[in-house]
Amino acid sequence: MTAVDDIDQLNEQCHLASGEFLKGNPEPVKKLWSHREDVSLANPLWTSRAWDKVTKTIEHASSSAR
């Protein structure tokens, strides 16, 4: 598999995960994120650091998207 194939596969995963996220299912999006304790999430609405807080933020955002 080439680097281009890897990027294409990641792009497809992101596209499918986004669709699920908008339906209220955050699990595919959460699988794409690092689960390390040094992970950060920052956007205009929420900022979170550490996986336990990031996962809660992703879940809240997904439930708000419905």
Protein backbone atom coordinates (compact mmCIF):
# COMPACT_ATOMS: atom_id res chain seq x y z
CA MET A 1 0.00 0.00 0.00
CA THR A 2 1.37 3.42 -0.92
CA ALA A 3 1.23 6.62 1.08
CA VAL A 4 -1.45 7.89 -1.31
CA ASP A 5 -3.52 4.78 -0.63
CA ASP A 6 -3.11 5.35 3.12
CA ILE A 7 -4.32 8.95 2.77
CA ASP A 8 -7.24 7.87 0.60
CA GLN A 9 -8.23 5.26 3.19
CA LEU A 10 -7.97 7.79 6.03
CA ASN A 11 -10.02 10.28 4.03
CA GLU A 12 -12.75 7.68 3.52
CA GLN A 13 -12.73 6.79 7.23
CA CYS A 14 -13.06 10.49 8.13
CA HIS A 15 -15.92 10.95 5.68
CA LEU A 16 -17.84 7.94 7.04
CA ALA A 17 -17.10 8.92 10.66
CA SER A 18 -18.38 12.45 10.04
CA GLY A 19 -21.65 11.09 8.68
CA GLU A 20 -22.11 8.91 11.76
CA PHE A 21 -21.14 11.80 14.05
CA LEU A 22 -23.88 13.95 12.57
CA LYS A 23 -26.38 11.14 13.21
CA GLY A 24 -25.41 11.17 16.89
CA ASN A 25 -22.92 8.28 16.84
CA PRO A 26 -19.53 9.56 18.05
CA GLU A 27 -17.77 6.17 18.12
CA PRO A 28 -16.20 6.22 14.61
CA VAL A 29 -14.83 9.73 15.23
CA LYS A 30 -13.43 8.69 18.60
CA LYS A 31 -11.57 5.81 16.93
CA LEU A 32 -9.72 8.32 14.72
CA TRP A 33 -8.37 10.31 17.68
CA SER A 34 -5.31 9.53 19.74
CA HIS A 35 -6.29 7.99 23.07
CA ARG A 36 -3.13 9.19 24.83
CA GLU A 37 -3.38 11.41 27.87
CA ASP A 38 -1.64 14.27 26.03
CA VAL A 39 -4.34 14.52 23.35
CA SER A 40 -5.99 17.93 22.88
CA LEU A 41 -9.17 19.09 21.17
CA ALA A 42 -9.67 22.74 20.37
CA ASN A 43 -12.30 24.41 18.24
CA PRO A 44 -14.33 27.61 18.59
CA LEU A 45 -16.85 25.95 20.92
CA TRP A 46 -14.88 23.54 23.12
CA THR A 47 -11.34 22.99 24.32
CA SER A 48 -10.34 19.76 26.07
CA ARG A 49 -7.11 18.07 27.11
CA ALA A 50 -6.58 14.42 28.08
CA TRP A 51 -8.50 11.53 26.56
CA ASP A 52 -11.19 11.28 29.25
CA LYS A 53 -12.17 14.93 28.68
CA VAL A 54 -11.77 14.82 24.89
CA THR A 55 -14.05 11.77 24.60
CA LYS A 56 -16.73 13.51 26.68
CA THR A 57 -16.45 16.60 24.48
CA ILE A 58 -16.77 14.52 21.30
CA GLU A 59 -19.83 12.73 22.72
CA HIS A 60 -21.45 16.00 23.75
CA ALA A 61 -20.79 17.58 20.36
CA SER A 62 -22.24 14.56 18.57
CA SER A 63 -25.39 14.61 20.69
CA SER A 64 -25.75 18.34 19.94
CA ALA A 65 -25.37 17.73 16.20
CA ARG A 66 -28.62 15.77 15.92
